[in-house]
Protein backbone atom coordinates (compact mmCIF):
# COMPACT_ATOMS: atom_id res chain seq x y z
CA MET A 1 -6.21 -2.72 -4.71
CA ASN A 2 -6.04 -6.54 -4.05
CA LYS A 3 -3.19 -9.28 -3.72
CA ASN A 4 -3.31 -9.65 -7.57
CA ASP A 5 -3.16 -6.08 -8.54
CA LEU A 6 -0.37 -5.66 -5.79
CA VAL A 7 1.55 -8.50 -7.16
CA ALA A 8 1.11 -6.60 -11.05
CA SER A 9 2.28 -3.58 -9.59
CA VAL A 10 5.36 -4.87 -7.96
CA ALA A 11 6.38 -6.72 -11.08
CA GLN A 12 5.79 -3.53 -12.90
CA ILE A 13 8.12 -1.38 -10.77
CA SER A 14 10.44 -3.79 -9.95
CA GLY A 15 11.01 -5.33 -13.43
CA LEU A 16 10.54 -8.94 -11.99
CA THR A 17 8.29 -11.37 -13.36
CA LYS A 18 4.36 -11.81 -12.25
CA ALA A 19 5.85 -15.38 -10.76
CA ASP A 20 8.65 -13.82 -9.18
CA ALA A 21 6.58 -10.77 -7.99
CA LEU A 22 4.25 -13.23 -6.40
CA LYS A 23 6.79 -15.33 -4.14
CA ALA A 24 8.28 -11.78 -3.07
CA VAL A 25 4.84 -10.62 -2.09
CA ASP A 26 4.11 -13.64 -0.07
CA ALA A 27 7.31 -14.05 1.26
CA VAL A 28 6.61 -10.44 2.75
CA ILE A 29 3.38 -11.07 4.08
CA LYS A 30 4.42 -14.95 5.75
CA SER A 31 7.73 -13.20 6.91
CA ILE A 32 5.35 -10.06 8.75
CA ALA A 33 2.60 -12.97 10.50
CA LYS A 34 5.55 -15.22 11.43
CA SER A 35 7.16 -12.36 13.42
CA LEU A 36 3.90 -11.37 14.93
CA LYS A 37 2.73 -14.34 15.70
CA ALA A 38 6.25 -14.95 17.85
CA ASN A 39 4.85 -11.60 19.32
CA ASN A 40 7.89 -9.31 17.92
CA GLU A 41 7.18 -5.75 16.66
CA VAL A 42 8.22 -5.63 12.61
CA ARG A 43 8.88 -1.60 11.91
CA LEU A 44 9.14 -0.23 8.52
CA VAL A 45 11.16 3.14 8.34
CA GLY A 46 9.13 5.17 6.26
CA PHE A 47 6.34 2.72 5.82
CA GLY A 48 4.43 2.21 9.33
CA THR A 49 4.80 -0.81 12.38
CA PHE A 50 2.65 -3.97 12.64
CA THR A 51 2.23 -5.20 16.56
CA VAL A 52 0.35 -7.22 18.57
CA THR A 53 -2.35 -6.12 20.71
CA ASN A 54 -3.95 -8.12 23.28
CA ARG A 55 -7.63 -8.06 23.98
CA PRO A 56 -8.99 -8.58 27.10
CA ALA A 57 -11.94 -11.18 27.59
CA GLY A 58 -15.49 -9.64 28.48
CA GLU A 59 -19.07 -9.67 27.82
CA GLY A 60 -21.06 -8.79 25.23
CA ARG A 61 -25.06 -8.89 23.58
CA ASN A 62 -26.02 -10.95 20.65
CA PRO A 63 -27.65 -8.22 18.56
CA ARG A 64 -30.25 -10.63 17.74
CA THR A 65 -31.73 -11.84 21.00
CA GLY A 66 -30.39 -9.68 23.15
CA GLU A 67 -28.98 -12.62 25.54
CA LYS A 68 -25.40 -11.99 27.25
CA ILE A 69 -22.69 -14.05 25.43
CA LYS A 70 -18.96 -14.50 27.04
CA ILE A 71 -16.56 -12.91 24.61
CA LYS A 72 -12.51 -14.32 24.53
CA ALA A 73 -9.34 -12.69 24.85
CA ALA A 74 -7.90 -12.53 21.61
CA LYS A 75 -4.65 -11.44 20.10
CA LEU A 76 -4.85 -8.78 17.22
CA PRO A 77 -2.31 -7.26 14.81
CA LYS A 78 -2.51 -3.63 14.38
CA PHE A 79 -0.77 -1.04 12.36
CA ARG A 80 0.54 2.26 13.11
CA ALA A 81 1.43 4.18 9.89
CA GLY A 82 4.74 5.54 9.63
CA LYS A 83 5.53 9.65 9.00
CA GLY A 84 6.46 8.69 5.14
CA LEU A 85 3.29 6.90 4.64
CA LYS A 86 1.23 9.51 6.24
CA GLU A 87 3.03 12.22 4.11
CA ALA A 88 3.03 10.41 1.01
CA ILE A 89 -1.41 10.49 0.83
CA ALA A 90 -1.64 13.80 2.35
């Protein structure tokens, strides 16, 4: 499922127009991203939890040349599925 499929599904289930469903989906995505950028957790009971994890700097290798490269530290989004989502797909 891609974003357009998601918007169509939200529109069908909620009775919204596709334009309104697109606004709703975009608002949810932006809200989650804004909260994660502020280093806050987003917990949707029954669905899951979005968090930010810190990946430390490290050293890796270029797969083509084999030379060592430095990998910068980074903040990465992480999603942990909730009980309701796990049960829905089991």
